[in-house]
């Protein structure tokens, strides 16, 4: 399903009313304005049409990372570290997967609405659920093939490049936790499987203890 239109406004001075979520579950939302120079810095990654969907996805990674840096100039999100920090942290600016997915989708919509995406549509956020938790991320659909691609920035510090992966690979996770970096499979398939099995065994043992199961 196509994602709803973003209400940010573009002018010769820059872009106004860009919504940025933070502090877990979009508890805090701040509309920011960025300069034309800042917008061009991100848009330049995409201004020249990529020769293929694969090339465009790589450009999107860089443009999203650049937008995170820009947003961090106007919000405390520059403090965001990979994963979920303690929800009782004393400083604002940490993002959970809900915040990350909403912000990533905002950036993707900005690119699409300014005719910078040629091989992809922006669609509704990706979602996966397991016994113990759930996870969200941004999502694209390749125009030619219809393939869904997940853009997940939660596993990286602010400004680092998000991971991009097919929806099928992203959603294929152990039964007990959805907070798994499935992208590691690309470089260490066997090691990744071993770590996930151990993680699942540990969480299953904890679950049995909580539920008083023998």
C-alpha atoms as a PDB file:
ATOM      1  CA  UNK A   1       0.000   0.000   0.000  1.00  0.00           C
ATOM      2  CA  UNK A   2       1.413   3.442  -0.924  1.00  0.00           C
ATOM      3  CA  UNK A   3       2.381   5.587   2.032  1.00  0.00           C
ATOM      4  CA  UNK A   4       0.411   8.739   2.869  1.00  0.00           C
ATOM      5  CA  UNK A   5       1.626  12.079   1.531  1.00  0.00           C
ATOM      6  CA  UNK A   6       3.998  14.126   3.681  1.00  0.00           C
ATOM      7  CA  UNK A   7       2.895  17.690   4.483  1.00  0.00           C
ATOM      8  CA  UNK A   8       6.363  19.252   4.561  1.00  0.00           C
ATOM      9  CA  UNK A   9       6.686  22.353   2.362  1.00  0.00           C
ATOM     10  CA  UNK A  10       9.561  23.052  -0.022  1.00  0.00           C
ATOM     11  CA  UNK A  11      10.649  26.605  -0.876  1.00  0.00           C
ATOM     12  CA  UNK A  12      13.704  28.391  -2.223  1.00  0.00           C
ATOM     13  CA  UNK A  13      14.874  28.738   1.381  1.00  0.00           C
ATOM     14  CA  UNK A  14      14.665  25.048   2.223  1.00  0.00           C
ATOM     15  CA  UNK A  15      12.062  22.637   3.626  1.00  0.00           C
ATOM     16  CA  UNK A  16       9.721  23.396   6.523  1.00  0.00           C
ATOM     17  CA  UNK A  17       7.574  21.227   8.790  1.00  0.00           C
ATOM     18  CA  UNK A  18       9.580  18.008   8.609  1.00  0.00           C
ATOM     19  CA  UNK A  19       8.278  15.839  11.485  1.00  0.00           C
ATOM     20  CA  UNK A  20      10.990  14.118  13.553  1.00  0.00           C
ATOM     21  CA  UNK A  21      10.071  11.481  16.148  1.00  0.00           C
ATOM     22  CA  UNK A  22      12.134  10.618  19.236  1.00  0.00           C
ATOM     23  CA  UNK A  23      12.110   9.342  22.823  1.00  0.00           C
ATOM     24  CA  UNK A  24      10.430   5.958  22.189  1.00  0.00           C
ATOM     25  CA  UNK A  25       7.131   5.457  20.373  1.00  0.00           C
ATOM     26  CA  UNK A  26       7.246   8.995  18.946  1.00  0.00           C
ATOM     27  CA  UNK A  27       6.568  10.279  22.438  1.00  0.00           C
ATOM     28  CA  UNK A  28       8.116  13.561  21.299  1.00  0.00           C
ATOM     29  CA  UNK A  29       7.619  14.923  17.788  1.00  0.00           C
ATOM     30  CA  UNK A  30       9.298  18.101  16.570  1.00  0.00           C
ATOM     31  CA  UNK A  31       8.757  19.800  13.214  1.00  0.00           C
ATOM     32  CA  UNK A  32      12.033  21.122  11.891  1.00  0.00           C
ATOM     33  CA  UNK A  33      13.055  23.398   9.030  1.00  0.00           C
ATOM     34  CA  UNK A  34      16.237  22.745   7.076  1.00  0.00           C
ATOM     35  CA  UNK A  35      18.096  25.046   4.720  1.00  0.00           C
ATOM     36  CA  UNK A  36      18.287  24.686   0.963  1.00  0.00           C
ATOM     37  CA  UNK A  37      21.973  23.828   1.307  1.00  0.00           C
ATOM     38  CA  UNK A  38      21.200  21.021   3.772  1.00  0.00           C
ATOM     39  CA  UNK A  39      18.470  19.622   1.547  1.00  0.00           C
ATOM     40  CA  UNK A  40      20.736  19.695  -1.505  1.00  0.00           C
ATOM     41  CA  UNK A  41      23.387  17.815   0.469  1.00  0.00           C
ATOM     42  CA  UNK A  42      20.978  14.891   0.880  1.00  0.00           C
ATOM     43  CA  UNK A  43      19.211  15.182  -2.472  1.00  0.00           C
ATOM     44  CA  UNK A  44      22.500  15.171  -4.392  1.00  0.00           C
ATOM     45  CA  UNK A  45      22.805  11.464  -3.723  1.00  0.00           C
ATOM     46  CA  UNK A  46      19.653  10.904  -5.797  1.00  0.00           C
ATOM     47  CA  UNK A  47      19.470  13.796  -8.237  1.00  0.00           C
ATOM     48  CA  UNK A  48      21.037  11.771 -11.054  1.00  0.00           C
ATOM     49  CA  UNK A  49      18.889   8.800 -12.017  1.00  0.00           C
ATOM     50  CA  UNK A  50      20.461   5.524 -10.919  1.00  0.00           C
ATOM     51  CA  UNK A  51      21.016   2.999 -13.730  1.00  0.00           C
ATOM     52  CA  UNK A  52      19.271   0.221 -11.775  1.00  0.00           C
ATOM     53  CA  UNK A  53      17.089  -0.370  -8.690  1.00  0.00           C
ATOM     54  CA  UNK A  54      20.107  -1.829  -6.902  1.00  0.00           C
ATOM     55  CA  UNK A  55      22.141   1.324  -7.490  1.00  0.00           C
ATOM     56  CA  UNK A  56      19.234   3.481  -6.357  1.00  0.00           C
ATOM     57  CA  UNK A  57      18.904   1.551  -3.094  1.00  0.00           C
ATOM     58  CA  UNK A  58      22.564   2.191  -2.349  1.00  0.00           C
ATOM     59  CA  UNK A  59      22.064   5.903  -3.035  1.00  0.00           C
ATOM     60  CA  UNK A  60      18.980   5.878  -0.780  1.00  0.00           C
ATOM     61  CA  UNK A  61      21.061   4.483   2.094  1.00  0.00           C
ATOM     62  CA  UNK A  62      23.428   7.425   1.824  1.00  0.00           C
ATOM     63  CA  UNK A  63      20.673  10.013   1.467  1.00  0.00           C
ATOM     64  CA  UNK A  64      18.848   8.670   4.547  1.00  0.00           C
ATOM     65  CA  UNK A  65      22.062   8.716   6.577  1.00  0.00           C
ATOM     66  CA  UNK A  66      22.667  12.314   5.502  1.00  0.00           C
ATOM     67  CA  UNK A  67      19.144  13.335   6.525  1.00  0.00           C
ATOM     68  CA  UNK A  68      19.694  11.805   9.965  1.00  0.00           C
ATOM     69  CA  UNK A  69      22.765  14.007  10.396  1.00  0.00           C
ATOM     70  CA  UNK A  70      20.810  17.087   9.307  1.00  0.00           C
ATOM     71  CA  UNK A  71      17.887  16.301  11.624  1.00  0.00           C
ATOM     72  CA  UNK A  72      20.369  15.883  14.464  1.00  0.00           C
ATOM     73  CA  UNK A  73      21.395  19.513  14.071  1.00  0.00           C
ATOM     74  CA  UNK A  74      17.902  20.631  15.109  1.00  0.00           C
ATOM     75  CA  UNK A  75      16.928  17.887  17.567  1.00  0.00           C
ATOM     76  CA  UNK A  76      18.640  15.775  20.241  1.00  0.00           C
ATOM     77  CA  UNK A  77      18.548  12.800  17.844  1.00  0.00           C
ATOM     78  CA  UNK A  78      22.263  13.284  17.202  1.00  0.00           C
ATOM     79  CA  UNK A  79      22.682  11.423  20.528  1.00  0.00           C
ATOM     80  CA  UNK A  80      20.859   8.337  19.237  1.00  0.00           C
ATOM     81  CA  UNK A  81      22.811   5.091  19.554  1.00  0.00           C
ATOM     82  CA  UNK A  82      22.137   1.807  17.815  1.00  0.00           C
ATOM     83  CA  UNK A  83      19.367  -0.325  19.296  1.00  0.00           C
ATOM     84  CA  UNK A  84      17.224   0.655  22.256  1.00  0.00           C
ATOM     85  CA  UNK A  85      18.862   2.601  25.017  1.00  0.00           C
ATOM     86  CA  UNK A  86      17.353   2.489  28.511  1.00  0.00           C
ATOM     87  CA  UNK A  87      13.889   4.069  28.368  1.00  0.00           C
ATOM     88  CA  UNK A  88      14.696   5.812  31.669  1.00  0.00           C
ATOM     89  CA  UNK A  89      17.716   7.591  30.211  1.00  0.00           C
ATOM     90  CA  UNK A  90      18.254  11.112  31.463  1.00  0.00           C
ATOM     91  CA  UNK A  91      18.851  12.684  28.075  1.00  0.00           C
ATOM     92  CA  UNK A  92      16.345  13.119  25.203  1.00  0.00           C
ATOM     93  CA  UNK A  93      17.008  12.064  21.634  1.00  0.00           C
ATOM     94  CA  UNK A  94      17.180   8.263  21.767  1.00  0.00           C
ATOM     95  CA  UNK A  95      15.097   6.469  19.127  1.00  0.00           C
ATOM     96  CA  UNK A  96      13.391   3.093  19.291  1.00  0.00           C
ATOM     97  CA  UNK A  97      12.357   1.185  16.167  1.00  0.00           C
ATOM     98  CA  UNK A  98       9.042   3.059  15.967  1.00  0.00           C
ATOM     99  CA  UNK A  99      10.823   6.423  15.937  1.00  0.00           C
ATOM    100  CA  UNK A 100      13.416   5.168  13.458  1.00  0.00           C
ATOM    101  CA  UNK A 101      10.845   3.711  11.069  1.00  0.00           C
ATOM    102  CA  UNK A 102       8.703   6.863  11.110  1.00  0.00           C
ATOM    103  CA  UNK A 103      11.689   9.148  10.518  1.00  0.00           C
ATOM    104  CA  UNK A 104      13.085   6.936   7.764  1.00  0.00           C
ATOM    105  CA  UNK A 105       9.672   6.921   6.088  1.00  0.00           C
ATOM    106  CA  UNK A 106       9.561  10.716   6.339  1.00  0.00           C
ATOM    107  CA  UNK A 107      12.906  10.991   4.527  1.00  0.00           C
ATOM    108  CA  UNK A 108      11.837   8.508   1.870  1.00  0.00           C
ATOM    109  CA  UNK A 109       8.629  10.477   1.270  1.00  0.00           C
ATOM    110  CA  UNK A 110      10.624  13.684   0.886  1.00  0.00           C
ATOM    111  CA  UNK A 111      12.749  12.035  -1.789  1.00  0.00           C
ATOM    112  CA  UNK A 112       9.716  10.609  -3.586  1.00  0.00           C
ATOM    113  CA  UNK A 113       7.673  13.810  -3.504  1.00  0.00           C
ATOM    114  CA  UNK A 114      10.596  15.713  -5.001  1.00  0.00           C
ATOM    115  CA  UNK A 115      10.853  13.207  -7.889  1.00  0.00           C
ATOM    116  CA  UNK A 116      14.169  11.783  -6.696  1.00  0.00           C
ATOM    117  CA  UNK A 117      13.102   8.123  -6.653  1.00  0.00           C
ATOM    118  CA  UNK A 118      12.883   6.541 -10.110  1.00  0.00           C
ATOM    119  CA  UNK A 119      12.920   2.818  -9.376  1.00  0.00           C
ATOM    120  CA  UNK A 120      10.928   2.629  -6.123  1.00  0.00           C
ATOM    121  CA  UNK A 121       7.654   3.608  -4.461  1.00  0.00           C
ATOM    122  CA  UNK A 122       7.456   4.452  -0.750  1.00  0.00           C
ATOM    123  CA  UNK A 123       4.972   2.111   0.950  1.00  0.00           C
ATOM    124  CA  UNK A 124       3.697   1.530   4.478  1.00  0.00           C
ATOM    125  CA  UNK A 125       6.259   0.618   7.116  1.00  0.00           C
ATOM    126  CA  UNK A 126       7.451  -2.969   7.462  1.00  0.00           C
ATOM    127  CA  UNK A 127       6.415  -4.861  10.601  1.00  0.00           C
ATOM    128  CA  UNK A 128       7.433  -8.159  12.189  1.00  0.00           C
ATOM    129  CA  UNK A 129       6.257  -9.766  15.443  1.00  0.00           C
ATOM    130  CA  UNK A 130       7.441 -12.638  17.604  1.00  0.00           C
ATOM    131  CA  UNK A 131       6.422 -14.163  20.949  1.00  0.00           C
ATOM    132  CA  UNK A 132       8.197 -11.517  23.004  1.00  0.00           C
ATOM    133  CA  UNK A 133       8.361  -8.359  20.922  1.00  0.00           C
ATOM    134  CA  UNK A 134       7.890  -6.607  17.586  1.00  0.00           C
ATOM    135  CA  UNK A 135       9.884  -4.458  15.200  1.00  0.00           C
ATOM    136  CA  UNK A 136       9.217  -1.705  12.620  1.00  0.00           C
ATOM    137  CA  UNK A 137      11.224  -0.299   9.704  1.00  0.00           C
ATOM    138  CA  UNK A 138      10.813   1.844   6.591  1.00  0.00           C
ATOM    139  CA  UNK A 139       9.862   0.128   3.352  1.00  0.00           C
ATOM    140  CA  UNK A 140      10.111   0.550  -0.416  1.00  0.00           C
ATOM    141  CA  UNK A 141       8.600  -1.318  -3.329  1.00  0.00           C
ATOM    142  CA  UNK A 142      10.599  -1.799  -6.492  1.00  0.00           C
ATOM    143  CA  UNK A 143       8.508  -0.503  -9.399  1.00  0.00           C
ATOM    144  CA  UNK A 144       9.498  -3.058 -12.016  1.00  0.00           C
ATOM    145  CA  UNK A 145       9.431  -6.274  -9.983  1.00  0.00           C
ATOM    146  CA  UNK A 146       7.094  -5.365  -7.122  1.00  0.00           C
ATOM    147  CA  UNK A 147       9.711  -6.638  -4.650  1.00  0.00           C
ATOM    148  CA  UNK A 148       9.476  -5.095  -1.168  1.00  0.00           C
ATOM    149  CA  UNK A 149      12.700  -3.768   0.361  1.00  0.00           C
ATOM    150  CA  UNK A 150      13.077  -2.894   4.047  1.00  0.00           C
ATOM    151  CA  UNK A 151      15.123   0.156   5.083  1.00  0.00           C
ATOM    152  CA  UNK A 152      16.121  -0.390   8.718  1.00  0.00           C
ATOM    153  CA  UNK A 153      18.103   2.273  10.570  1.00  0.00           C
ATOM    154  CA  UNK A 154      17.491   0.999  14.124  1.00  0.00           C
ATOM    155  CA  UNK A 155      20.640  -1.135  14.198  1.00  0.00           C
ATOM    156  CA  UNK A 156      22.912   1.851  13.498  1.00  0.00           C
ATOM    157  CA  UNK A 157      23.992   4.990  15.329  1.00  0.00           C
ATOM    158  CA  UNK A 158      22.541   8.284  14.116  1.00  0.00           C
ATOM    159  CA  UNK A 159      23.877   9.215  10.677  1.00  0.00           C
ATOM    160  CA  UNK A 160      25.244   5.768   9.859  1.00  0.00           C
ATOM    161  CA  UNK A 161      23.875   4.075   6.760  1.00  0.00           C
ATOM    162  CA  UNK A 162      20.705   2.009   7.270  1.00  0.00           C
ATOM    163  CA  UNK A 163      20.499  -1.606   6.219  1.00  0.00           C
ATOM    164  CA  UNK A 164      18.465  -2.499   3.133  1.00  0.00           C
ATOM    165  CA  UNK A 165      17.141  -6.022   2.704  1.00  0.00           C
ATOM    166  CA  UNK A 166      14.286  -7.877   0.994  1.00  0.00           C
ATOM    167  CA  UNK A 167      11.128  -8.128   3.075  1.00  0.00           C
ATOM    168  CA  UNK A 168      11.338 -11.935   3.019  1.00  0.00           C
ATOM    169  CA  UNK A 169      14.865 -11.984   4.444  1.00  0.00           C
ATOM    170  CA  UNK A 170      14.113  -9.278   7.000  1.00  0.00           C
ATOM    171  CA  UNK A 171      11.041 -11.024   8.370  1.00  0.00           C
ATOM    172  CA  UNK A 172      12.749 -14.431   8.685  1.00  0.00           C
ATOM    173  CA  UNK A 173      13.797 -14.314  12.342  1.00  0.00           C
ATOM    174  CA  UNK A 174      13.934 -16.540  15.453  1.00  0.00           C
ATOM    175  CA  UNK A 175      10.626 -17.170  17.197  1.00  0.00           C
ATOM    176  CA  UNK A 176      11.399 -15.292  20.408  1.00  0.00           C
ATOM    177  CA  UNK A 177      12.890 -11.944  19.413  1.00  0.00           C
ATOM    178  CA  UNK A 178      12.376  -9.603  16.487  1.00  0.00           C
ATOM    179  CA  UNK A 179      15.299  -7.384  17.540  1.00  0.00           C
ATOM    180  CA  UNK A 180      17.709  -9.358  15.391  1.00  0.00           C
ATOM    181  CA  UNK A 181      20.149  -7.972  12.874  1.00  0.00           C
ATOM    182  CA  UNK A 182      19.461 -10.394  10.022  1.00  0.00           C
ATOM    183  CA  UNK A 183      21.835  -8.441   7.775  1.00  0.00           C
ATOM    184  CA  UNK A 184      24.814 -10.234   9.340  1.00  0.00           C
ATOM    185  CA  UNK A 185      23.866 -13.294   7.304  1.00  0.00           C
ATOM    186  CA  UNK A 186      25.482 -11.722   4.266  1.00  0.00           C
ATOM    187  CA  UNK A 187      28.977 -12.132   5.715  1.00  0.00           C
ATOM    188  CA  UNK A 188      28.641 -14.915   8.311  1.00  0.00           C
ATOM    189  CA  UNK A 189      25.687 -17.218   7.679  1.00  0.00           C
ATOM    190  CA  UNK A 190      26.812 -20.082   9.942  1.00  0.00           C
ATOM    191  CA  UNK A 191      27.919 -17.774  12.749  1.00  0.00           C
ATOM    192  CA  UNK A 192      24.654 -15.889  12.542  1.00  0.00           C
ATOM    193  CA  UNK A 193      22.616 -19.096  12.794  1.00  0.00           C
ATOM    194  CA  UNK A 194      24.606 -20.262  15.806  1.00  0.00           C
ATOM    195  CA  UNK A 195      24.141 -16.935  17.595  1.00  0.00           C
ATOM    196  CA  UNK A 196      20.411 -16.900  16.896  1.00  0.00           C
ATOM    197  CA  UNK A 197      19.932 -20.459  18.144  1.00  0.00           C
ATOM    198  CA  UNK A 198      21.723 -19.613  21.371  1.00  0.00           C
ATOM    199  CA  UNK A 199      19.701 -16.406  21.742  1.00  0.00           C
ATOM    200  CA  UNK A 200      16.438 -18.307  21.253  1.00  0.00           C
ATOM    201  CA  UNK A 201      17.439 -21.019  23.763  1.00  0.00           C
ATOM    202  CA  UNK A 202      18.312 -18.385  26.365  1.00  0.00           C
ATOM    203  CA  UNK A 203      15.074 -16.474  25.870  1.00  0.00           C
ATOM    204  CA  UNK A 204      13.021 -19.676  25.896  1.00  0.00           C
ATOM    205  CA  UNK A 205      14.581 -20.644  29.248  1.00  0.00           C
ATOM    206  CA  UNK A 206      13.750 -17.194  30.637  1.00  0.00           C
ATOM    207  CA  UNK A 207      10.187 -17.459  29.354  1.00  0.00           C
ATOM    208  CA  UNK A 208       9.719 -20.871  31.020  1.00  0.00           C
ATOM    209  CA  UNK A 209      10.956 -19.437  34.308  1.00  0.00           C
ATOM    210  CA  UNK A 210       8.590 -16.463  34.094  1.00  0.00           C
ATOM    211  CA  UNK A 211       5.624 -18.716  33.334  1.00  0.00           C
ATOM    212  CA  UNK A 212       6.642 -21.309  35.929  1.00  0.00           C
ATOM    213  CA  UNK A 213       6.813 -24.047  33.305  1.00  0.00           C
ATOM    214  CA  UNK A 214       8.642 -27.320  33.943  1.00  0.00           C
END
